[in-house]
Amino acid sequence: MLNELIFVLLGGLMVWIGVTYHFFFDPRRPGWILLGALLIIWGARSWWRAPRIAVSALRAIARIRGASLILAGAVMISLDWLEFRWTGAALAVVGGILIVRGLASAALALRTA
């Protein structure tokens, strides 16, 4: 549950940064693009490993985690090509994805407990 709370808080931070345009980073730097690529790889790995999980609720949690990481990584990489005025909206979308992911995973985890 703590892991899911961290994702909800991280998503809230990204929504706040996207709405207020208080950027503490440059989305066009190679490190940011590398981080987006790593999120995509991590999400794809989680997605492909999900069928090996025996419990269906935990399998669904793994698929949600994988899909949200792939989407967040894709949006982070796309920030390199967006105009600056759209960067805030894209960050708010990533934050929303992470919030929904955290809440959905927490709800499924509570259901299995």
PDB file of N, CA and C in Angstrom:
ATOM      1  N   MET A   1       0.820  -1.198   0.000  1.00  0.00           N
ATOM      2  CA  MET A   1       0.000   0.000   0.000  1.00  0.00           C
ATOM      3  C   MET A   1       0.864   1.262   0.000  1.00  0.00           C
ATOM      4  N   LEU A   2       2.011   1.208   0.678  1.00  0.00           N
ATOM      5  CA  LEU A   2       2.886   2.371   0.723  1.00  0.00           C
ATOM      6  C   LEU A   2       3.402   2.711  -0.675  1.00  0.00           C
ATOM      7  N   ASN A   3       3.684   1.683  -1.459  1.00  0.00           N
ATOM      8  CA  ASN A   3       4.141   1.900  -2.826  1.00  0.00           C
ATOM      9  C   ASN A   3       3.083   2.636  -3.644  1.00  0.00           C
ATOM     10  N   GLU A   4       1.837   2.254  -3.485  1.00  0.00           N
ATOM     11  CA  GLU A   4       0.761   2.901  -4.233  1.00  0.00           C
ATOM     12  C   GLU A   4       0.558   4.342  -3.762  1.00  0.00           C
ATOM     13  N   LEU A   5       0.709   4.584  -2.462  1.00  0.00           N
ATOM     14  CA  LEU A   5       0.604   5.946  -1.943  1.00  0.00           C
ATOM     15  C   LEU A   5       1.701   6.837  -2.521  1.00  0.00           C
ATOM     16  N   ILE A   6       2.883   6.289  -2.677  1.00  0.00           N
ATOM     17  CA  ILE A   6       3.981   7.059  -3.267  1.00  0.00           C
ATOM     18  C   ILE A   6       3.650   7.433  -4.705  1.00  0.00           C
ATOM     19  N   PHE A   7       3.053   6.520  -5.473  1.00  0.00           N
ATOM     20  CA  PHE A   7       2.677   6.844  -6.845  1.00  0.00           C
ATOM     21  C   PHE A   7       1.587   7.904  -6.893  1.00  0.00           C
ATOM     22  N   VAL A   8       0.635   7.860  -5.966  1.00  0.00           N
ATOM     23  CA  VAL A   8      -0.411   8.884  -5.921  1.00  0.00           C
ATOM     24  C   VAL A   8       0.209  10.251  -5.604  1.00  0.00           C
ATOM     25  N   LEU A   9       1.118  10.296  -4.638  1.00  0.00           N
ATOM     26  CA  LEU A   9       1.771  11.560  -4.287  1.00  0.00           C
ATOM     27  C   LEU A   9       2.653  12.076  -5.425  1.00  0.00           C
ATOM     28  N   LEU A  10       3.382  11.177  -6.091  1.00  0.00           N
ATOM     29  CA  LEU A  10       4.197  11.581  -7.233  1.00  0.00           C
ATOM     30  C   LEU A  10       3.326  12.118  -8.360  1.00  0.00           C
ATOM     31  N   GLY A  11       2.202  11.473  -8.594  1.00  0.00           N
ATOM     32  CA  GLY A  11       1.270  11.963  -9.608  1.00  0.00           C
ATOM     33  C   GLY A  11       0.712  13.329  -9.251  1.00  0.00           C
ATOM     34  N   GLY A  12       0.390  13.533  -7.975  1.00  0.00           N
ATOM     35  CA  GLY A  12      -0.083  14.851  -7.545  1.00  0.00           C
ATOM     36  C   GLY A  12       0.967  15.929  -7.731  1.00  0.00           C
ATOM     37  N   LEU A  13       2.223  15.598  -7.447  1.00  0.00           N
ATOM     38  CA  LEU A  13       3.315  16.546  -7.662  1.00  0.00           C
ATOM     39  C   LEU A  13       3.456  16.899  -9.138  1.00  0.00           C
ATOM     40  N   MET A  14       3.346  15.893 -10.005  1.00  0.00           N
ATOM     41  CA  MET A  14       3.468  16.163 -11.442  1.00  0.00           C
ATOM     42  C   MET A  14       2.294  16.976 -11.958  1.00  0.00           C
ATOM     43  N   VAL A  15       1.100  16.738 -11.449  1.00  0.00           N
ATOM     44  CA  VAL A  15      -0.047  17.565 -11.843  1.00  0.00           C
ATOM     45  C   VAL A  15       0.176  18.999 -11.393  1.00  0.00           C
ATOM     46  N   TRP A  16       0.667  19.188 -10.168  1.00  0.00           N
ATOM     47  CA  TRP A  16       0.922  20.529  -9.651  1.00  0.00           C
ATOM     48  C   TRP A  16       1.973  21.247 -10.505  1.00  0.00           C
ATOM     49  N   ILE A  17       3.052  20.557 -10.848  1.00  0.00           N
ATOM     50  CA  ILE A  17       4.089  21.160 -11.685  1.00  0.00           C
ATOM     51  C   ILE A  17       3.520  21.513 -13.055  1.00  0.00           C
ATOM     52  N   GLY A  18       2.716  20.631 -13.618  1.00  0.00           N
ATOM     53  CA  GLY A  18       2.142  20.888 -14.936  1.00  0.00           C
ATOM     54  C   GLY A  18       1.155  22.039 -14.950  1.00  0.00           C
ATOM     55  N   VAL A  19       0.382  22.186 -13.887  1.00  0.00           N
ATOM     56  CA  VAL A  19      -0.628  23.251 -13.836  1.00  0.00           C
ATOM     57  C   VAL A  19       0.003  24.609 -13.546  1.00  0.00           C
ATOM     58  N   THR A  20       1.018  24.632 -12.666  1.00  0.00           N
ATOM     59  CA  THR A  20       1.618  25.910 -12.270  1.00  0.00           C
ATOM     60  C   THR A  20       2.831  26.298 -13.097  1.00  0.00           C
ATOM     61  N   TYR A  21       3.313  25.417 -13.982  1.00  0.00           N
ATOM     62  CA  TYR A  21       4.499  25.673 -14.817  1.00  0.00           C
ATOM     63  C   TYR A  21       5.741  25.980 -13.985  1.00  0.00           C
ATOM     64  N   HIS A  22       5.877  25.375 -12.813  1.00  0.00           N
ATOM     65  CA  HIS A  22       7.087  25.511 -12.002  1.00  0.00           C
ATOM     66  C   HIS A  22       8.031  24.361 -12.346  1.00  0.00           C
ATOM     67  N   PHE A  23       8.661  24.433 -13.508  1.00  0.00           N
ATOM     68  CA  PHE A  23       9.535  23.359 -13.963  1.00  0.00           C
ATOM     69  C   PHE A  23      10.884  23.466 -13.285  1.00  0.00           C
ATOM     70  N   PHE A  24      11.327  22.343 -12.739  1.00  0.00           N
ATOM     71  CA  PHE A  24      12.637  22.266 -12.118  1.00  0.00           C
ATOM     72  C   PHE A  24      13.589  21.460 -12.992  1.00  0.00           C
ATOM     73  N   PHE A  25      13.241  21.244 -14.226  1.00  0.00           N
ATOM     74  CA  PHE A  25      14.015  20.388 -15.114  1.00  0.00           C
ATOM     75  C   PHE A  25      13.825  20.870 -16.541  1.00  0.00           C
ATOM     76  N   ASP A  26      14.666  20.361 -17.435  1.00  0.00           N
ATOM     77  CA  ASP A  26      14.549  20.642 -18.860  1.00  0.00           C
ATOM     78  C   ASP A  26      14.157  19.338 -19.556  1.00  0.00           C
ATOM     79  N   PRO A  27      12.930  19.256 -20.078  1.00  0.00           N
ATOM     80  CA  PRO A  27      12.490  17.995 -20.683  1.00  0.00           C
ATOM     81  C   PRO A  27      13.207  17.656 -21.987  1.00  0.00           C
ATOM     82  N   ARG A  28      14.083  18.508 -22.449  1.00  0.00           N
ATOM     83  CA  ARG A  28      14.814  18.242 -23.680  1.00  0.00           C
ATOM     84  C   ARG A  28      16.233  17.729 -23.426  1.00  0.00           C
ATOM     85  N   ARG A  29      16.574  17.502 -22.179  1.00  0.00           N
ATOM     86  CA  ARG A  29      17.906  16.997 -21.831  1.00  0.00           C
ATOM     87  C   ARG A  29      17.945  15.484 -22.055  1.00  0.00           C
ATOM     88  N   PRO A  30      19.108  14.946 -22.369  1.00  0.00           N
ATOM     89  CA  PRO A  30      19.216  13.502 -22.612  1.00  0.00           C
ATOM     90  C   PRO A  30      18.830  12.654 -21.391  1.00  0.00           C
ATOM     91  N   GLY A  31      19.090  13.148 -20.196  1.00  0.00           N
ATOM     92  CA  GLY A  31      18.726  12.389 -19.005  1.00  0.00           C
ATOM     93  C   GLY A  31      17.228  12.181 -18.887  1.00  0.00           C
ATOM     94  N   TRP A  32      16.448  13.194 -19.253  1.00  0.00           N
ATOM     95  CA  TRP A  32      14.994  13.097 -19.193  1.00  0.00           C
ATOM     96  C   TRP A  32      14.485  12.080 -20.215  1.00  0.00           C
ATOM     97  N   ILE A  33      15.063  12.103 -21.410  1.00  0.00           N
ATOM     98  CA  ILE A  33      14.663  11.159 -22.452  1.00  0.00           C
ATOM     99  C   ILE A  33      15.065   9.741 -22.051  1.00  0.00           C
ATOM    100  N   LEU A  34      16.241   9.587 -21.456  1.00  0.00           N
ATOM    101  CA  LEU A  34      16.681   8.283 -20.975  1.00  0.00           C
ATOM    102  C   LEU A  34      15.751   7.756 -19.880  1.00  0.00           C
ATOM    103  N   LEU A  35      15.321   8.631 -18.980  1.00  0.00           N
ATOM    104  CA  LEU A  35      14.391   8.226 -17.934  1.00  0.00           C
ATOM    105  C   LEU A  35      13.066   7.765 -18.535  1.00  0.00           C
ATOM    106  N   GLY A  36      12.571   8.463 -19.551  1.00  0.00           N
ATOM    107  CA  GLY A  36      11.348   8.037 -20.226  1.00  0.00           C
ATOM    108  C   GLY A  36      11.504   6.679 -20.889  1.00  0.00           C
ATOM    109  N   ALA A  37      12.659   6.455 -21.531  1.00  0.00           N
ATOM    110  CA  ALA A  37      12.911   5.157 -22.162  1.00  0.00           C
ATOM    111  C   ALA A  37      13.000   4.040 -21.119  1.00  0.00           C
ATOM    112  N   LEU A  38      13.632   4.332 -19.983  1.00  0.00           N
ATOM    113  CA  LEU A  38      13.712   3.328 -18.920  1.00  0.00           C
ATOM    114  C   LEU A  38      12.337   2.995 -18.358  1.00  0.00           C
ATOM    115  N   LEU A  39      11.464   4.001 -18.240  1.00  0.00           N
ATOM    116  CA  LEU A  39      10.099   3.731 -17.774  1.00  0.00           C
ATOM    117  C   LEU A  39       9.343   2.841 -18.756  1.00  0.00           C
ATOM    118  N   ILE A  40       9.550   3.072 -20.049  1.00  0.00           N
ATOM    119  CA  ILE A  40       8.890   2.241 -21.058  1.00  0.00           C
ATOM    120  C   ILE A  40       9.391   0.802 -20.964  1.00  0.00           C
ATOM    121  N   ILE A  41      10.703   0.623 -20.824  1.00  0.00           N
ATOM    122  CA  ILE A  41      11.266  -0.726 -20.718  1.00  0.00           C
ATOM    123  C   ILE A  41      10.773  -1.413 -19.452  1.00  0.00           C
ATOM    124  N   TRP A  42      10.778  -0.701 -18.339  1.00  0.00           N
ATOM    125  CA  TRP A  42      10.319  -1.261 -17.065  1.00  0.00           C
ATOM    126  C   TRP A  42       8.841  -1.649 -17.149  1.00  0.00           C
ATOM    127  N   GLY A  43       8.034  -0.786 -17.772  1.00  0.00           N
ATOM    128  CA  GLY A  43       6.614  -1.082 -17.919  1.00  0.00           C
ATOM    129  C   GLY A  43       6.358  -2.268 -18.823  1.00  0.00           C
ATOM    130  N   ALA A  44       7.110  -2.368 -19.925  1.00  0.00           N
ATOM    131  CA  ALA A  44       6.942  -3.507 -20.832  1.00  0.00           C
ATOM    132  C   ALA A  44       7.352  -4.805 -20.144  1.00  0.00           C
ATOM    133  N   ARG A  45       8.405  -4.754 -19.364  1.00  0.00           N
ATOM    134  CA  ARG A  45       8.860  -5.940 -18.621  1.00  0.00           C
ATOM    135  C   ARG A  45       7.789  -6.387 -17.618  1.00  0.00           C
ATOM    136  N   SER A  46       7.199  -5.427 -16.927  1.00  0.00           N
ATOM    137  CA  SER A  46       6.144  -5.746 -15.970  1.00  0.00           C
ATOM    138  C   SER A  46       4.911  -6.305 -16.680  1.00  0.00           C
ATOM    139  N   TRP A  47       4.574  -5.731 -17.820  1.00  0.00           N
ATOM    140  CA  TRP A  47       3.407  -6.186 -18.589  1.00  0.00           C
ATOM    141  C   TRP A  47       3.600  -7.630 -19.063  1.00  0.00           C
ATOM    142  N   TRP A  48       4.792  -7.951 -19.582  1.00  0.00           N
ATOM    143  CA  TRP A  48       5.032  -9.291 -20.108  1.00  0.00           C
ATOM    144  C   TRP A  48       5.183 -10.339 -19.017  1.00  0.00           C
ATOM    145  N   ARG A  49       5.543  -9.950 -17.830  1.00  0.00           N
ATOM    146  CA  ARG A  49       5.670 -10.910 -16.736  1.00  0.00           C
ATOM    147  C   ARG A  49       4.334 -11.172 -16.031  1.00  0.00           C
ATOM    148  N   ALA A  50       3.338 -10.376 -16.295  1.00  0.00           N
ATOM    149  CA  ALA A  50       2.042 -10.502 -15.601  1.00  0.00           C
ATOM    150  C   ALA A  50       1.375 -11.863 -15.789  1.00  0.00           C
ATOM    151  N   PRO A  51       1.406 -12.482 -16.964  1.00  0.00           N
ATOM    152  CA  PRO A  51       0.719 -13.778 -17.092  1.00  0.00           C
ATOM    153  C   PRO A  51       1.289 -14.883 -16.212  1.00  0.00           C
ATOM    154  N   ARG A  52       2.492 -14.716 -15.702  1.00  0.00           N
ATOM    155  CA  ARG A  52       3.093 -15.743 -14.843  1.00  0.00           C
ATOM    156  C   ARG A  52       2.552 -15.705 -13.412  1.00  0.00           C
ATOM    157  N   ILE A  53       1.815 -14.664 -13.056  1.00  0.00           N
ATOM    158  CA  ILE A  53       1.300 -14.518 -11.693  1.00  0.00           C
ATOM    159  C   ILE A  53       0.032 -15.357 -11.561  1.00  0.00           C
ATOM    160  N   ALA A  54      -0.043 -16.131 -10.505  1.00  0.00           N
ATOM    161  CA  ALA A  54      -1.148 -17.078 -10.335  1.00  0.00           C
ATOM    162  C   ALA A  54      -2.459 -16.398  -9.939  1.00  0.00           C
ATOM    163  N   VAL A  55      -2.418 -15.413  -9.056  1.00  0.00           N
ATOM    164  CA  VAL A  55      -3.630 -14.765  -8.563  1.00  0.00           C
ATOM    165  C   VAL A  55      -4.080 -13.711  -9.583  1.00  0.00           C
ATOM    166  N   SER A  56      -5.345 -13.791  -9.990  1.00  0.00           N
ATOM    167  CA  SER A  56      -5.816 -12.909 -11.064  1.00  0.00           C
ATOM    168  C   SER A  56      -5.807 -11.435 -10.671  1.00  0.00           C
ATOM    169  N   ALA A  57      -6.109 -11.119  -9.418  1.00  0.00           N
ATOM    170  CA  ALA A  57      -6.098  -9.715  -8.995  1.00  0.00           C
ATOM    171  C   ALA A  57      -4.672  -9.152  -9.031  1.00  0.00           C
ATOM    172  N   LEU A  58      -3.705  -9.952  -8.611  1.00  0.00           N
ATOM    173  CA  LEU A  58      -2.315  -9.504  -8.660  1.00  0.00           C
ATOM    174  C   LEU A  58      -1.829  -9.397 -10.103  1.00  0.00           C
ATOM    175  N   ARG A  59      -2.344 -10.250 -10.968  1.00  0.00           N
ATOM    176  CA  ARG A  59      -2.022 -10.167 -12.392  1.00  0.00           C
ATOM    177  C   ARG A  59      -2.558  -8.862 -12.978  1.00  0.00           C
ATOM    178  N   ALA A  60      -3.761  -8.476 -12.563  1.00  0.00           N
ATOM    179  CA  ALA A  60      -4.338  -7.217 -13.032  1.00  0.00           C
ATOM    180  C   ALA A  60      -3.542  -6.028 -12.522  1.00  0.00           C
ATOM    181  N   ILE A  61      -3.079  -6.095 -11.284  1.00  0.00           N
ATOM    182  CA  ILE A  61      -2.253  -5.013 -10.729  1.00  0.00           C
ATOM    183  C   ILE A  61      -0.966  -4.878 -11.533  1.00  0.00           C
ATOM    184  N   ALA A  62      -0.340  -5.994 -11.876  1.00  0.00           N
ATOM    185  CA  ALA A  62       0.895  -5.955 -12.659  1.00  0.00           C
ATOM    186  C   ALA A  62       0.652  -5.371 -14.042  1.00  0.00           C
ATOM    187  N   ARG A  63      -0.481  -5.681 -14.645  1.00  0.00           N
ATOM    188  CA  ARG A  63      -0.796  -5.115 -15.965  1.00  0.00           C
ATOM    189  C   ARG A  63      -1.056  -3.615 -15.871  1.00  0.00           C
ATOM    190  N   ILE A  64      -1.750  -3.187 -14.813  1.00  0.00           N
ATOM    191  CA  ILE A  64      -1.987  -1.753 -14.621  1.00  0.00           C
ATOM    192  C   ILE A  64      -0.666  -1.028 -14.423  1.00  0.00           C
ATOM    193  N   ARG A  65       0.219  -1.596 -13.621  1.00  0.00           N
ATOM    194  CA  ARG A  65       1.534  -0.996 -13.400  1.00  0.00           C
ATOM    195  C   ARG A  65       2.310  -0.883 -14.700  1.00  0.00           C
ATOM    196  N   GLY A  66       2.331  -1.948 -15.463  1.00  0.00           N
ATOM    197  CA  GLY A  66       3.072  -1.934 -16.719  1.00  0.00           C
ATOM    198  C   GLY A  66       2.527  -0.920 -17.707  1.00  0.00           C
ATOM    199  N   ALA A  67       1.211  -0.907 -17.863  1.00  0.00           N
ATOM    200  CA  ALA A  67       0.600   0.029 -18.816  1.00  0.00           C
ATOM    201  C   ALA A  67       0.816   1.473 -18.394  1.00  0.00           C
ATOM    202  N   SER A  68       0.713   1.757 -17.103  1.00  0.00           N
ATOM    203  CA  SER A  68       0.892   3.145 -16.662  1.00  0.00           C
ATOM    204  C   SER A  68       2.332   3.597 -16.831  1.00  0.00           C
ATOM    205  N   LEU A  69       3.288   2.712 -16.598  1.00  0.00           N
ATOM    206  CA  LEU A  69       4.689   3.091 -16.797  1.00  0.00           C
ATOM    207  C   LEU A  69       4.997   3.307 -18.273  1.00  0.00           C
ATOM    208  N   ILE A  70       4.424   2.495 -19.141  1.00  0.00           N
ATOM    209  CA  ILE A  70       4.624   2.686 -20.583  1.00  0.00           C
ATOM    210  C   ILE A  70       4.047   4.025 -21.021  1.00  0.00           C
ATOM    211  N   LEU A  71       2.829   4.344 -20.578  1.00  0.00           N
ATOM    212  CA  LEU A  71       2.212   5.620 -20.941  1.00  0.00           C
ATOM    213  C   LEU A  71       2.992   6.804 -20.390  1.00  0.00           C
ATOM    214  N   ALA A  72       3.401   6.716 -19.134  1.00  0.00           N
ATOM    215  CA  ALA A  72       4.161   7.821 -18.537  1.00  0.00           C
ATOM    216  C   ALA A  72       5.487   8.019 -19.253  1.00  0.00           C
ATOM    217  N   GLY A  73       6.175   6.943 -19.584  1.00  0.00           N
ATOM    218  CA  GLY A  73       7.438   7.059 -20.317  1.00  0.00           C
ATOM    219  C   GLY A  73       7.252   7.645 -21.700  1.00  0.00           C
ATOM    220  N   ALA A  74       6.192   7.242 -22.386  1.00  0.00           N
ATOM    221  CA  ALA A  74       5.927   7.779 -23.728  1.00  0.00           C
ATOM    222  C   ALA A  74       5.634   9.281 -23.677  1.00  0.00           C
ATOM    223  N   VAL A  75       4.870   9.707 -22.690  1.00  0.00           N
ATOM    224  CA  VAL A  75       4.580  11.139 -22.571  1.00  0.00           C
ATOM    225  C   VAL A  75       5.848  11.909 -22.201  1.00  0.00           C
ATOM    226  N   MET A  76       6.685  11.329 -21.333  1.00  0.00           N
ATOM    227  CA  MET A  76       7.929  12.005 -20.963  1.00  0.00           C
ATOM    228  C   MET A  76       8.843  12.176 -22.170  1.00  0.00           C
ATOM    229  N   ILE A  77       8.933  11.170 -23.010  1.00  0.00           N
ATOM    230  CA  ILE A  77       9.755  11.288 -24.214  1.00  0.00           C
ATOM    231  C   ILE A  77       9.142  12.293 -25.185  1.00  0.00           C
ATOM    232  N   SER A  78       7.822  12.332 -25.274  1.00  0.00           N
ATOM    233  CA  SER A  78       7.179  13.257 -26.208  1.00  0.00           C
ATOM    234  C   SER A  78       7.349  14.718 -25.803  1.00  0.00           C
ATOM    235  N   LEU A  79       7.727  14.980 -24.555  1.00  0.00           N
ATOM    236  CA  LEU A  79       7.949  16.363 -24.126  1.00  0.00           C
ATOM    237  C   LEU A  79       9.069  17.025 -24.912  1.00  0.00           C
ATOM    238  N   ASP A  80       9.960  16.232 -25.486  1.00  0.00           N
ATOM    239  CA  ASP A  80      11.062  16.770 -26.279  1.00  0.00           C
ATOM    240  C   ASP A  80      10.549  17.456 -27.548  1.00  0.00           C
ATOM    241  N   TRP A  81       9.447  16.980 -28.089  1.00  0.00           N
ATOM    242  CA  TRP A  81       8.946  17.515 -29.343  1.00  0.00           C
ATOM    243  C   TRP A  81       7.781  18.489 -29.173  1.00  0.00           C
ATOM    244  N   LEU A  82       7.256  18.610 -27.974  1.00  0.00           N
ATOM    245  CA  LEU A  82       6.124  19.507 -27.747  1.00  0.00           C
ATOM    246  C   LEU A  82       6.580  20.953 -27.633  1.00  0.00           C
ATOM    247  N   GLU A  83       5.699  21.854 -27.995  1.00  0.00           N
ATOM    248  CA  GLU A  83       5.948  23.261 -27.716  1.00  0.00           C
ATOM    249  C   GLU A  83       5.852  23.473 -26.211  1.00  0.00           C
ATOM    250  N   PHE A  84       6.517  24.508 -25.721  1.00  0.00           N
ATOM    251  CA  PHE A  84       6.577  24.737 -24.279  1.00  0.00           C
ATOM    252  C   PHE A  84       5.192  24.913 -23.673  1.00  0.00           C
ATOM    253  N   ARG A  85       4.262  25.522 -24.386  1.00  0.00           N
ATOM    254  CA  ARG A  85       2.934  25.760 -23.813  1.00  0.00           C
ATOM    255  C   ARG A  85       2.165  24.468 -23.580  1.00  0.00           C
ATOM    256  N   TRP A  86       2.519  23.371 -24.278  1.00  0.00           N
ATOM    257  CA  TRP A  86       1.842  22.092 -24.098  1.00  0.00           C
ATOM    258  C   TRP A  86       2.531  21.204 -23.072  1.00  0.00           C
ATOM    259  N   THR A  87       3.706  21.598 -22.632  1.00  0.00           N
ATOM    260  CA  THR A  87       4.458  20.772 -21.693  1.00  0.00           C
ATOM    261  C   THR A  87       3.722  20.622 -20.370  1.00  0.00           C
ATOM    262  N   GLY A  88       3.136  21.690 -19.871  1.00  0.00           N
ATOM    263  CA  GLY A  88       2.401  21.623 -18.614  1.00  0.00           C
ATOM    264  C   GLY A  88       1.217  20.669 -18.691  1.00  0.00           C
ATOM    265  N   ALA A  89       0.493  20.719 -19.807  1.00  0.00           N
ATOM    266  CA  ALA A  89      -0.647  19.813 -19.965  1.00  0.00           C
ATOM    267  C   ALA A  89      -0.193  18.360 -20.033  1.00  0.00           C
ATOM    268  N   ALA A  90       0.920  18.117 -20.707  1.00  0.00           N
ATOM    269  CA  ALA A  90       1.433  16.750 -20.800  1.00  0.00           C
ATOM    270  C   ALA A  90       1.865  16.237 -19.428  1.00  0.00           C
ATOM    271  N   LEU A  91       2.499  17.086 -18.630  1.00  0.00           N
ATOM    272  CA  LEU A  91       2.889  16.674 -17.282  1.00  0.00           C
ATOM    273  C   LEU A  91       1.667  16.409 -16.416  1.00  0.00           C
ATOM    274  N   ALA A  92       0.622  17.198 -16.586  1.00  0.00           N
ATOM    275  CA  ALA A  92      -0.609  16.966 -15.834  1.00  0.00           C
ATOM    276  C   ALA A  92      -1.221  15.624 -16.231  1.00  0.00           C
ATOM    277  N   VAL A  93      -1.123  15.257 -17.501  1.00  0.00           N
ATOM    278  CA  VAL A  93      -1.631  13.958 -17.954  1.00  0.00           C
ATOM    279  C   VAL A  93      -0.836  12.826 -17.318  1.00  0.00           C
ATOM    280  N   VAL A  94       0.497  12.956 -17.301  1.00  0.00           N
ATOM    281  CA  VAL A  94       1.333  11.927 -16.670  1.00  0.00           C
ATOM    282  C   VAL A  94       0.977  11.808 -15.190  1.00  0.00           C
ATOM    283  N   GLY A  95       0.808  12.934 -14.525  1.00  0.00           N
ATOM    284  CA  GLY A  95       0.422  12.904 -13.118  1.00  0.00           C
ATOM    285  C   GLY A  95      -0.918  12.228 -12.908  1.00  0.00           C
ATOM    286  N   GLY A  96      -1.873  12.517 -13.782  1.00  0.00           N
ATOM    287  CA  GLY A  96      -3.177  11.865 -13.696  1.00  0.00           C
ATOM    288  C   GLY A  96      -3.086  10.361 -13.899  1.00  0.00           C
ATOM    289  N   ILE A  97      -2.233   9.950 -14.832  1.00  0.00           N
ATOM    290  CA  ILE A  97      -2.027   8.517 -15.059  1.00  0.00           C
ATOM    291  C   ILE A  97      -1.483   7.858 -13.795  1.00  0.00           C
ATOM    292  N   LEU A  98      -0.502   8.503 -13.172  1.00  0.00           N
ATOM    293  CA  LEU A  98       0.097   7.920 -11.968  1.00  0.00           C
ATOM    294  C   LEU A  98      -0.886   7.895 -10.798  1.00  0.00           C
ATOM    295  N   ILE A  99      -1.729   8.910 -10.679  1.00  0.00           N
ATOM    296  CA  ILE A  99      -2.730   8.929  -9.611  1.00  0.00           C
ATOM    297  C   ILE A  99      -3.742   7.796  -9.812  1.00  0.00           C
ATOM    298  N   VAL A 100      -4.251   7.663 -11.024  1.00  0.00           N
ATOM    299  CA  VAL A 100      -5.226   6.598 -11.309  1.00  0.00           C
ATOM    300  C   VAL A 100      -4.590   5.232 -11.104  1.00  0.00           C
ATOM    301  N   ARG A 101      -3.340   5.091 -11.518  1.00  0.00           N
ATOM    302  CA  ARG A 101      -2.626   3.826 -11.332  1.00  0.00           C
ATOM    303  C   ARG A 101      -2.490   3.482  -9.859  1.00  0.00           C
ATOM    304  N   GLY A 102      -2.108   4.448  -9.051  1.00  0.00           N
ATOM    305  CA  GLY A 102      -1.957   4.201  -7.621  1.00  0.00           C
ATOM    306  C   GLY A 102      -3.265   3.830  -6.959  1.00  0.00           C
ATOM    307  N   LEU A 103      -4.322   4.542  -7.292  1.00  0.00           N
ATOM    308  CA  LEU A 103      -5.628   4.256  -6.697  1.00  0.00           C
ATOM    309  C   LEU A 103      -6.188   2.905  -7.143  1.00  0.00           C
ATOM    310  N   ALA A 104      -6.031   2.598  -8.442  1.00  0.00           N
ATOM    311  CA  ALA A 104      -6.543   1.329  -8.936  1.00  0.00           C
ATOM    312  C   ALA A 104      -5.776   0.149  -8.344  1.00  0.00           C
ATOM    313  N   SER A 105      -4.470   0.270  -8.284  1.00  0.00           N
ATOM    314  CA  SER A 105      -3.667  -0.812  -7.704  1.00  0.00           C
ATOM    315  C   SER A 105      -3.969  -0.993  -6.216  1.00  0.00           C
ATOM    316  N   ALA A 106      -4.158   0.122  -5.503  1.00  0.00           N
ATOM    317  CA  ALA A 106      -4.485   0.029  -4.082  1.00  0.00           C
ATOM    318  C   ALA A 106      -5.854  -0.632  -3.877  1.00  0.00           C
ATOM    319  N   ALA A 107      -6.815  -0.296  -4.727  1.00  0.00           N
ATOM    320  CA  ALA A 107      -8.147  -0.900  -4.596  1.00  0.00           C
ATOM    321  C   ALA A 107      -8.095  -2.399  -4.875  1.00  0.00           C
ATOM    322  N   LEU A 108      -7.345  -2.799  -5.893  1.00  0.00           N
ATOM    323  CA  LEU A 108      -7.230  -4.229  -6.184  1.00  0.00           C
ATOM    324  C   LEU A 108      -6.465  -4.960  -5.089  1.00  0.00           C
ATOM    325  N   ALA A 109      -5.448  -4.312  -4.527  1.00  0.00           N
ATOM    326  CA  ALA A 109      -4.683  -4.942  -3.448  1.00  0.00           C
ATOM    327  C   ALA A 109      -5.546  -5.110  -2.201  1.00  0.00           C
ATOM    328  N   LEU A 110      -6.385  -4.130  -1.906  1.00  0.00           N
ATOM    329  CA  LEU A 110      -7.275  -4.248  -0.746  1.00  0.00           C
ATOM    330  C   LEU A 110      -8.314  -5.344  -0.954  1.00  0.00           C
ATOM    331  N   ARG A 111      -8.730  -5.505  -2.196  1.00  0.00           N
ATOM    332  CA  ARG A 111      -9.726  -6.527  -2.495  1.00  0.00           C
ATOM    333  C   ARG A 111      -9.184  -7.937  -2.299  1.00  0.00           C
ATOM    334  N   THR A 112      -7.890  -8.112  -2.571  1.00  0.00           N
ATOM    335  CA  THR A 112      -7.293  -9.436  -2.413  1.00  0.00           C
ATOM    336  C   THR A 112      -6.881  -9.717  -0.975  1.00  0.00           C
ATOM    337  N   ALA A 113      -6.736  -8.679  -0.163  1.00  0.00           N
ATOM    338  CA  ALA A 113      -6.279  -8.879   1.225  1.00  0.00           C
ATOM    339  C   ALA A 113      -7.368  -9.402   2.124  1.00  0.00           C
TER     340      ALA A 113
END
